[in-house]
Amino acid sequence: MSITSFFKEISILLFSSIVFTSYAQTEGTPIKTIVKEVVEAIGGQENYDNTRFIQWDFGKRSLYWDKWTGDVRVESPQQDLIILLNINTLQGKVYKEGKSVKDPEKLKKLLVKGKNWWINDSYWLVMPWKLQDPGVILNYIGKEKEGNIHYHILQLTFDGVGVTPQNKYHVFVDQKDHLIKKWSFYKTVEDESPRFTGVWDNYQKAGDILLSYNRKGFGPKNVIVKQEYDKAIFKKQKY
């Protein structure tokens, strides 16, 4: 499929399930330990929770996210579209071709679209923190050596949550520095061959956490992390 439609399909919604992370573990493969090492390597859960504002570009979109309030701004210049919404309430405003969208049906549809964009685009940025999200099922697949790098391979599937819960991922964790260095995406759990494999490289300090961006391959770019920002970002068409 095309890059645009494909990345829409891999959107993952992990915020509304009441089930907890499930670990399918074989003897000698401590999944919880691996996940803990990943989180510690990228700054720790506390630092991530304390991070408030993240801004980044993804494809032809720009996104702004207040993690504490759930406020999101998505700009799509290609579609002349600005979406201001709260991902928890799905309330907000939409500006299309410079004009406020007033029709309730169109507004709701575009707000949902904005949330789905955020789901997809943020997953490409903060996936390492979401290994333990409600509804995520982790399995240990095995080990792999690529050059001088030794990987643990974890499989992510989803228990009835998300926009596309049929998806499957394999994430490759460097056994030395405990960073996720690549991932493979499978459209369905039954698929044996991935639709793509992408790198997670160029980890950089952003605030008090590490994020992989401006990668060699496709992914998030131009990331900004800060605690204070102009609140008009989430309220006005222009700020």
C-alpha atoms as a PDB file:
ATOM      1  CA  MET A   1       0.000   0.000   0.000  1.00  0.00           C
ATOM      2  CA  SER A   2       1.072   3.647  -0.190  1.00  0.00           C
ATOM      3  CA  ILE A   3       3.164   5.221   2.584  1.00  0.00           C
ATOM      4  CA  THR A   4       0.256   7.454   3.617  1.00  0.00           C
ATOM      5  CA  SER A   5      -2.438   4.782   3.756  1.00  0.00           C
ATOM      6  CA  PHE A   6      -0.075   2.257   5.245  1.00  0.00           C
ATOM      7  CA  PHE A   7       0.898   4.379   8.194  1.00  0.00           C
ATOM      8  CA  LYS A   8      -2.747   5.149   8.834  1.00  0.00           C
ATOM      9  CA  GLU A   9      -3.378   1.420   9.105  1.00  0.00           C
ATOM     10  CA  ILE A  10      -0.746   0.911  11.790  1.00  0.00           C
ATOM     11  CA  SER A  11      -2.325   3.371  14.208  1.00  0.00           C
ATOM     12  CA  ILE A  12      -2.560   1.865  17.657  1.00  0.00           C
ATOM     13  CA  LEU A  13      -4.986   3.036  20.358  1.00  0.00           C
ATOM     14  CA  LEU A  14      -3.849   1.947  23.802  1.00  0.00           C
ATOM     15  CA  PHE A  15      -5.629   4.278  26.153  1.00  0.00           C
ATOM     16  CA  SER A  16      -9.117   2.912  26.782  1.00  0.00           C
ATOM     17  CA  SER A  17      -8.708  -0.711  27.796  1.00  0.00           C
ATOM     18  CA  ILE A  18      -9.248  -2.078  31.290  1.00  0.00           C
ATOM     19  CA  VAL A  19      -7.112  -5.160  30.755  1.00  0.00           C
ATOM     20  CA  PHE A  20      -3.509  -5.195  31.894  1.00  0.00           C
ATOM     21  CA  THR A  21      -0.329  -6.049  30.064  1.00  0.00           C
ATOM     22  CA  SER A  22       0.061  -9.775  29.586  1.00  0.00           C
ATOM     23  CA  TYR A  23       3.469 -11.418  29.543  1.00  0.00           C
ATOM     24  CA  ALA A  24       3.955 -14.736  27.749  1.00  0.00           C
ATOM     25  CA  GLN A  25       7.379 -15.790  28.920  1.00  0.00           C
ATOM     26  CA  THR A  26       9.508 -18.843  28.472  1.00  0.00           C
ATOM     27  CA  GLU A  27      12.084 -20.063  30.934  1.00  0.00           C
ATOM     28  CA  GLY A  28      15.243 -17.970  30.855  1.00  0.00           C
ATOM     29  CA  THR A  29      13.662 -15.022  29.036  1.00  0.00           C
ATOM     30  CA  PRO A  30      12.753 -12.398  31.673  1.00  0.00           C
ATOM     31  CA  ILE A  31      10.468 -10.129  29.646  1.00  0.00           C
ATOM     32  CA  LYS A  32       9.705  -7.848  32.577  1.00  0.00           C
ATOM     33  CA  THR A  33      13.425  -7.333  33.123  1.00  0.00           C
ATOM     34  CA  ILE A  34      13.981  -6.522  29.444  1.00  0.00           C
ATOM     35  CA  VAL A  35      11.135  -3.986  29.436  1.00  0.00           C
ATOM     36  CA  LYS A  36      12.417  -2.413  32.664  1.00  0.00           C
ATOM     37  CA  GLU A  37      15.886  -2.063  31.143  1.00  0.00           C
ATOM     38  CA  VAL A  38      14.422  -0.430  28.026  1.00  0.00           C
ATOM     39  CA  VAL A  39      12.492   2.132  30.065  1.00  0.00           C
ATOM     40  CA  GLU A  40      15.497   2.915  32.259  1.00  0.00           C
ATOM     41  CA  ALA A  41      17.743   3.312  29.201  1.00  0.00           C
ATOM     42  CA  ILE A  42      15.474   5.987  27.710  1.00  0.00           C
ATOM     43  CA  GLY A  43      15.188   8.028  30.870  1.00  0.00           C
ATOM     44  CA  GLY A  44      12.835   6.173  33.179  1.00  0.00           C
ATOM     45  CA  GLN A  45       9.090   6.135  33.648  1.00  0.00           C
ATOM     46  CA  GLU A  46       9.071   9.005  36.138  1.00  0.00           C
ATOM     47  CA  ASN A  47      10.878  11.353  33.766  1.00  0.00           C
ATOM     48  CA  TYR A  48       8.525  10.393  30.959  1.00  0.00           C
ATOM     49  CA  ASP A  49       5.465  10.961  33.140  1.00  0.00           C
ATOM     50  CA  ASN A  50       6.870  14.334  34.196  1.00  0.00           C
ATOM     51  CA  THR A  51       7.451  15.382  30.585  1.00  0.00           C
ATOM     52  CA  ARG A  52       4.625  17.706  29.647  1.00  0.00           C
ATOM     53  CA  PHE A  53       4.892  19.088  26.104  1.00  0.00           C
ATOM     54  CA  ILE A  54       6.157  17.355  22.959  1.00  0.00           C
ATOM     55  CA  GLN A  55       6.213  18.834  19.470  1.00  0.00           C
ATOM     56  CA  TRP A  56       7.316  16.996  16.335  1.00  0.00           C
ATOM     57  CA  ASP A  57       6.885  16.548  12.593  1.00  0.00           C
ATOM     58  CA  PHE A  58       5.737  13.299  11.069  1.00  0.00           C
ATOM     59  CA  GLY A  59       5.501  12.913   7.330  1.00  0.00           C
ATOM     60  CA  LYS A  60       3.682  16.025   6.138  1.00  0.00           C
ATOM     61  CA  ARG A  61       2.075  16.751   9.511  1.00  0.00           C
ATOM     62  CA  SER A  62       3.132  18.742  12.572  1.00  0.00           C
ATOM     63  CA  LEU A  63       1.911  17.746  16.014  1.00  0.00           C
ATOM     64  CA  TYR A  64       1.816  19.392  19.441  1.00  0.00           C
ATOM     65  CA  TRP A  65       0.868  17.409  22.544  1.00  0.00           C
ATOM     66  CA  ASP A  66       0.316  18.302  26.178  1.00  0.00           C
ATOM     67  CA  LYS A  67       0.695  14.900  27.830  1.00  0.00           C
ATOM     68  CA  TRP A  68      -0.777  16.113  31.086  1.00  0.00           C
ATOM     69  CA  THR A  69      -4.036  17.500  29.714  1.00  0.00           C
ATOM     70  CA  GLY A  70      -4.485  15.447  26.547  1.00  0.00           C
ATOM     71  CA  ASP A  71      -4.633  18.567  24.397  1.00  0.00           C
ATOM     72  CA  VAL A  72      -3.358  18.024  20.849  1.00  0.00           C
ATOM     73  CA  ARG A  73      -2.830  20.210  17.818  1.00  0.00           C
ATOM     74  CA  VAL A  74      -2.391  18.595  14.403  1.00  0.00           C
ATOM     75  CA  GLU A  75      -1.463  20.676  11.371  1.00  0.00           C
ATOM     76  CA  SER A  76      -1.705  19.229   7.874  1.00  0.00           C
ATOM     77  CA  PRO A  77      -0.632  21.931   5.388  1.00  0.00           C
ATOM     78  CA  GLN A  78      -1.155  19.471   2.529  1.00  0.00           C
ATOM     79  CA  GLN A  79      -4.863  19.355   3.386  1.00  0.00           C
ATOM     80  CA  ASP A  80      -5.006  22.960   4.627  1.00  0.00           C
ATOM     81  CA  LEU A  81      -6.266  21.553   7.906  1.00  0.00           C
ATOM     82  CA  ILE A  82      -5.710  22.462  11.563  1.00  0.00           C
ATOM     83  CA  ILE A  83      -7.271  20.263  14.247  1.00  0.00           C
ATOM     84  CA  LEU A  84      -7.372  21.309  17.908  1.00  0.00           C
ATOM     85  CA  LEU A  85      -8.736  18.620  20.192  1.00  0.00           C
ATOM     86  CA  ASN A  86      -8.556  16.903  23.518  1.00  0.00           C
ATOM     87  CA  ILE A  87      -7.886  13.212  22.968  1.00  0.00           C
ATOM     88  CA  ASN A  88      -9.677  12.268  26.191  1.00  0.00           C
ATOM     89  CA  THR A  89     -12.937  14.090  25.496  1.00  0.00           C
ATOM     90  CA  LEU A  90     -12.799  14.308  21.692  1.00  0.00           C
ATOM     91  CA  GLN A  91     -13.894  17.914  22.001  1.00  0.00           C
ATOM     92  CA  GLY A  92     -12.260  20.628  19.955  1.00  0.00           C
ATOM     93  CA  LYS A  93     -12.152  22.871  16.909  1.00  0.00           C
ATOM     94  CA  VAL A  94     -11.212  22.316  13.293  1.00  0.00           C
ATOM     95  CA  TYR A  95     -10.129  24.837  10.679  1.00  0.00           C
ATOM     96  CA  LYS A  96     -10.329  23.798   7.045  1.00  0.00           C
ATOM     97  CA  GLU A  97      -8.961  26.167   4.403  1.00  0.00           C
ATOM     98  CA  GLY A  98      -8.778  28.867   7.038  1.00  0.00           C
ATOM     99  CA  LYS A  99     -12.435  28.591   8.093  1.00  0.00           C
ATOM    100  CA  SER A 100     -13.894  27.060  11.231  1.00  0.00           C
ATOM    101  CA  VAL A 101     -15.817  23.850  10.594  1.00  0.00           C
ATOM    102  CA  LYS A 102     -19.307  24.307  12.034  1.00  0.00           C
ATOM    103  CA  ASP A 103     -21.226  21.306  10.720  1.00  0.00           C
ATOM    104  CA  PRO A 104     -21.442  18.889  13.696  1.00  0.00           C
ATOM    105  CA  GLU A 105     -21.077  15.738  11.602  1.00  0.00           C
ATOM    106  CA  LYS A 106     -18.078  17.025   9.667  1.00  0.00           C
ATOM    107  CA  LEU A 107     -16.525  18.371  12.851  1.00  0.00           C
ATOM    108  CA  LYS A 108     -16.817  15.052  14.662  1.00  0.00           C
ATOM    109  CA  LYS A 109     -15.369  13.169  11.701  1.00  0.00           C
ATOM    110  CA  LEU A 110     -12.371  15.479  11.517  1.00  0.00           C
ATOM    111  CA  LEU A 111     -11.801  15.343  15.284  1.00  0.00           C
ATOM    112  CA  VAL A 112     -11.692  11.554  15.073  1.00  0.00           C
ATOM    113  CA  LYS A 113      -9.306  11.848  12.155  1.00  0.00           C
ATOM    114  CA  GLY A 114      -7.061  14.116  14.202  1.00  0.00           C
ATOM    115  CA  LYS A 115      -7.034  11.703  17.110  1.00  0.00           C
ATOM    116  CA  ASN A 116      -6.182   8.787  14.836  1.00  0.00           C
ATOM    117  CA  TRP A 117      -3.334  10.792  13.317  1.00  0.00           C
ATOM    118  CA  TRP A 118      -2.021  11.528  16.800  1.00  0.00           C
ATOM    119  CA  ILE A 119      -2.318   7.858  17.787  1.00  0.00           C
ATOM    120  CA  ASN A 120      -0.229   6.786  14.820  1.00  0.00           C
ATOM    121  CA  ASP A 121       2.293   9.603  14.829  1.00  0.00           C
ATOM    122  CA  SER A 122       2.949   9.501  18.587  1.00  0.00           C
ATOM    123  CA  TYR A 123       3.387   5.716  18.525  1.00  0.00           C
ATOM    124  CA  TRP A 124       6.276   6.189  16.122  1.00  0.00           C
ATOM    125  CA  LEU A 125       7.861   8.473  18.715  1.00  0.00           C
ATOM    126  CA  VAL A 126       7.066   7.052  22.176  1.00  0.00           C
ATOM    127  CA  MET A 127       6.437   3.346  21.508  1.00  0.00           C
ATOM    128  CA  PRO A 128       9.201   2.217  23.920  1.00  0.00           C
ATOM    129  CA  TRP A 129       7.166   3.604  26.817  1.00  0.00           C
ATOM    130  CA  LYS A 130       4.042   1.792  25.670  1.00  0.00           C
ATOM    131  CA  LEU A 131       5.271  -1.781  25.971  1.00  0.00           C
ATOM    132  CA  GLN A 132       3.327  -2.114  29.223  1.00  0.00           C
ATOM    133  CA  ASP A 133       0.153  -0.329  28.176  1.00  0.00           C
ATOM    134  CA  PRO A 134      -3.211  -1.936  28.944  1.00  0.00           C
ATOM    135  CA  GLY A 135      -4.108  -4.540  26.352  1.00  0.00           C
ATOM    136  CA  VAL A 136      -0.551  -5.142  25.133  1.00  0.00           C
ATOM    137  CA  ILE A 137       0.515  -8.792  25.032  1.00  0.00           C
ATOM    138  CA  LEU A 138       4.275  -9.336  25.081  1.00  0.00           C
ATOM    139  CA  ASN A 139       5.958 -12.535  23.969  1.00  0.00           C
ATOM    140  CA  TYR A 140       9.646 -13.341  23.868  1.00  0.00           C
ATOM    141  CA  ILE A 141      10.504 -14.486  20.345  1.00  0.00           C
ATOM    142  CA  GLY A 142      14.204 -15.164  20.772  1.00  0.00           C
ATOM    143  CA  LYS A 143      17.600 -13.678  20.057  1.00  0.00           C
ATOM    144  CA  GLU A 144      19.244 -12.416  16.894  1.00  0.00           C
ATOM    145  CA  LYS A 145      22.743 -11.275  15.989  1.00  0.00           C
ATOM    146  CA  GLU A 146      23.265  -8.617  13.340  1.00  0.00           C
ATOM    147  CA  GLY A 147      26.866  -7.580  12.883  1.00  0.00           C
ATOM    148  CA  ASN A 148      28.187  -6.845  16.350  1.00  0.00           C
ATOM    149  CA  ILE A 149      24.733  -6.244  17.844  1.00  0.00           C
ATOM    150  CA  HIS A 150      22.928  -8.913  19.833  1.00  0.00           C
ATOM    151  CA  TYR A 151      19.156  -8.444  20.080  1.00  0.00           C
ATOM    152  CA  HIS A 152      16.340  -9.653  22.262  1.00  0.00           C
ATOM    153  CA  ILE A 153      13.196  -9.858  20.113  1.00  0.00           C
ATOM    154  CA  LEU A 154       9.834  -9.073  21.706  1.00  0.00           C
ATOM    155  CA  GLN A 155       6.496  -9.559  19.997  1.00  0.00           C
ATOM    156  CA  LEU A 156       3.658  -7.107  20.616  1.00  0.00           C
ATOM    157  CA  THR A 157       0.058  -8.097  19.976  1.00  0.00           C
ATOM    158  CA  PHE A 158      -3.108  -6.503  21.298  1.00  0.00           C
ATOM    159  CA  ASP A 159      -6.048  -7.820  23.271  1.00  0.00           C
ATOM    160  CA  GLY A 160      -9.062  -6.127  21.709  1.00  0.00           C
ATOM    161  CA  VAL A 161      -7.726  -2.589  21.956  1.00  0.00           C
ATOM    162  CA  GLY A 162      -6.811  -0.020  19.390  1.00  0.00           C
ATOM    163  CA  VAL A 163      -7.849   1.199  15.989  1.00  0.00           C
ATOM    164  CA  THR A 164      -6.166  -1.833  14.402  1.00  0.00           C
ATOM    165  CA  PRO A 165      -5.885  -4.488  17.147  1.00  0.00           C
ATOM    166  CA  GLN A 166      -5.094  -7.165  14.560  1.00  0.00           C
ATOM    167  CA  ASN A 167      -1.612  -5.704  14.058  1.00  0.00           C
ATOM    168  CA  LYS A 168       1.569  -7.312  15.320  1.00  0.00           C
ATOM    169  CA  TYR A 169       5.026  -5.883  15.958  1.00  0.00           C
ATOM    170  CA  HIS A 170       8.445  -7.337  16.605  1.00  0.00           C
ATOM    171  CA  VAL A 171      10.800  -5.006  18.460  1.00  0.00           C
ATOM    172  CA  PHE A 172      14.533  -5.601  18.599  1.00  0.00           C
ATOM    173  CA  VAL A 173      16.228  -4.641  21.852  1.00  0.00           C
ATOM    174  CA  ASP A 174      19.998  -4.180  21.906  1.00  0.00           C
ATOM    175  CA  GLN A 175      21.270  -6.418  24.709  1.00  0.00           C
ATOM    176  CA  LYS A 176      24.156  -4.048  25.431  1.00  0.00           C
ATOM    177  CA  ASP A 177      22.573  -0.599  25.762  1.00  0.00           C
ATOM    178  CA  HIS A 178      18.942  -1.839  26.101  1.00  0.00           C
ATOM    179  CA  LEU A 179      17.647   0.515  23.405  1.00  0.00           C
ATOM    180  CA  ILE A 180      15.128  -0.567  20.797  1.00  0.00           C
ATOM    181  CA  LYS A 181      17.067  -0.355  17.533  1.00  0.00           C
ATOM    182  CA  LYS A 182      14.466  -1.528  15.012  1.00  0.00           C
ATOM    183  CA  TRP A 183      10.942  -2.854  14.661  1.00  0.00           C
ATOM    184  CA  SER A 184       8.982  -4.938  12.191  1.00  0.00           C
ATOM    185  CA  PHE A 185       5.303  -4.396  11.436  1.00  0.00           C
ATOM    186  CA  TYR A 186       2.874  -7.187  10.544  1.00  0.00           C
ATOM    187  CA  LYS A 187      -0.605  -6.288   9.337  1.00  0.00           C
ATOM    188  CA  THR A 188      -2.158  -9.295  11.092  1.00  0.00           C
ATOM    189  CA  VAL A 189      -1.117 -11.646  13.867  1.00  0.00           C
ATOM    190  CA  GLU A 190      -1.123 -14.521  11.378  1.00  0.00           C
ATOM    191  CA  ASP A 191       1.331 -12.871   8.977  1.00  0.00           C
ATOM    192  CA  GLU A 192       4.725 -14.536   8.852  1.00  0.00           C
ATOM    193  CA  SER A 193       6.489 -11.811   6.864  1.00  0.00           C
ATOM    194  CA  PRO A 194       6.532  -8.158   7.945  1.00  0.00           C
ATOM    195  CA  ARG A 195       5.159  -5.383   5.792  1.00  0.00           C
ATOM    196  CA  PHE A 196       8.206  -3.341   6.733  1.00  0.00           C
ATOM    197  CA  THR A 197      11.157  -3.191   9.121  1.00  0.00           C
ATOM    198  CA  GLY A 198      12.298   0.237  10.276  1.00  0.00           C
ATOM    199  CA  VAL A 199      15.236   1.506  12.298  1.00  0.00           C
ATOM    200  CA  TRP A 200      15.122   3.265  15.649  1.00  0.00           C
ATOM    201  CA  ASP A 201      18.396   5.165  15.684  1.00  0.00           C
ATOM    202  CA  ASN A 202      19.789   8.603  16.490  1.00  0.00           C
ATOM    203  CA  TYR A 203      18.547   8.609  20.088  1.00  0.00           C
ATOM    204  CA  GLN A 204      18.844  12.112  21.481  1.00  0.00           C
ATOM    205  CA  LYS A 205      18.294  13.764  24.842  1.00  0.00           C
ATOM    206  CA  ALA A 206      15.014  15.670  24.777  1.00  0.00           C
ATOM    207  CA  GLY A 207      14.277  17.227  28.126  1.00  0.00           C
ATOM    208  CA  ASP A 208      14.931  14.444  30.620  1.00  0.00           C
ATOM    209  CA  ILE A 209      14.232  11.544  28.256  1.00  0.00           C
ATOM    210  CA  LEU A 210      15.791   9.914  25.198  1.00  0.00           C
ATOM    211  CA  LEU A 211      13.870   9.912  21.935  1.00  0.00           C
ATOM    212  CA  SER A 212      14.718   8.415  18.547  1.00  0.00           C
ATOM    213  CA  TYR A 213      14.082  10.974  15.819  1.00  0.00           C
ATOM    214  CA  ASN A 214      15.578  12.379  12.632  1.00  0.00           C
ATOM    215  CA  ARG A 215      16.262   8.734  11.809  1.00  0.00           C
ATOM    216  CA  LYS A 216      18.003   7.380   8.752  1.00  0.00           C
ATOM    217  CA  GLY A 217      14.671   5.981   7.638  1.00  0.00           C
ATOM    218  CA  PHE A 218      11.092   7.198   7.911  1.00  0.00           C
ATOM    219  CA  GLY A 219      10.001   8.510  11.298  1.00  0.00           C
ATOM    220  CA  PRO A 220       9.464  11.547  13.525  1.00  0.00           C
ATOM    221  CA  LYS A 221      11.571  14.655  12.998  1.00  0.00           C
ATOM    222  CA  ASN A 222      12.322  18.019  14.596  1.00  0.00           C
ATOM    223  CA  VAL A 223      11.301  17.023  18.116  1.00  0.00           C
ATOM    224  CA  ILE A 224      10.970  19.663  20.834  1.00  0.00           C
ATOM    225  CA  VAL A 225      10.327  18.768  24.472  1.00  0.00           C
ATOM    226  CA  LYS A 226       9.635  21.381  27.128  1.00  0.00           C
ATOM    227  CA  GLN A 227       7.606  22.071  30.225  1.00  0.00           C
ATOM    228  CA  GLU A 228       6.358  25.583  29.461  1.00  0.00           C
ATOM    229  CA  TYR A 229       4.647  26.589  26.230  1.00  0.00           C
ATOM    230  CA  ASP A 230       2.153  29.053  24.757  1.00  0.00           C
ATOM    231  CA  LYS A 231      -1.297  27.750  25.738  1.00  0.00           C
ATOM    232  CA  ALA A 232      -2.750  29.426  22.632  1.00  0.00           C
ATOM    233  CA  ILE A 233      -1.316  26.525  20.627  1.00  0.00           C
ATOM    234  CA  PHE A 234      -4.341  24.458  21.615  1.00  0.00           C
ATOM    235  CA  LYS A 235      -6.916  27.229  21.506  1.00  0.00           C
ATOM    236  CA  LYS A 236      -6.314  29.376  18.442  1.00  0.00           C
ATOM    237  CA  GLN A 237      -5.961  28.837  14.726  1.00  0.00           C
ATOM    238  CA  LYS A 238      -2.953  31.156  14.771  1.00  0.00           C
ATOM    239  CA  TYR A 239      -0.831  31.803  17.824  1.00  0.00           C
END
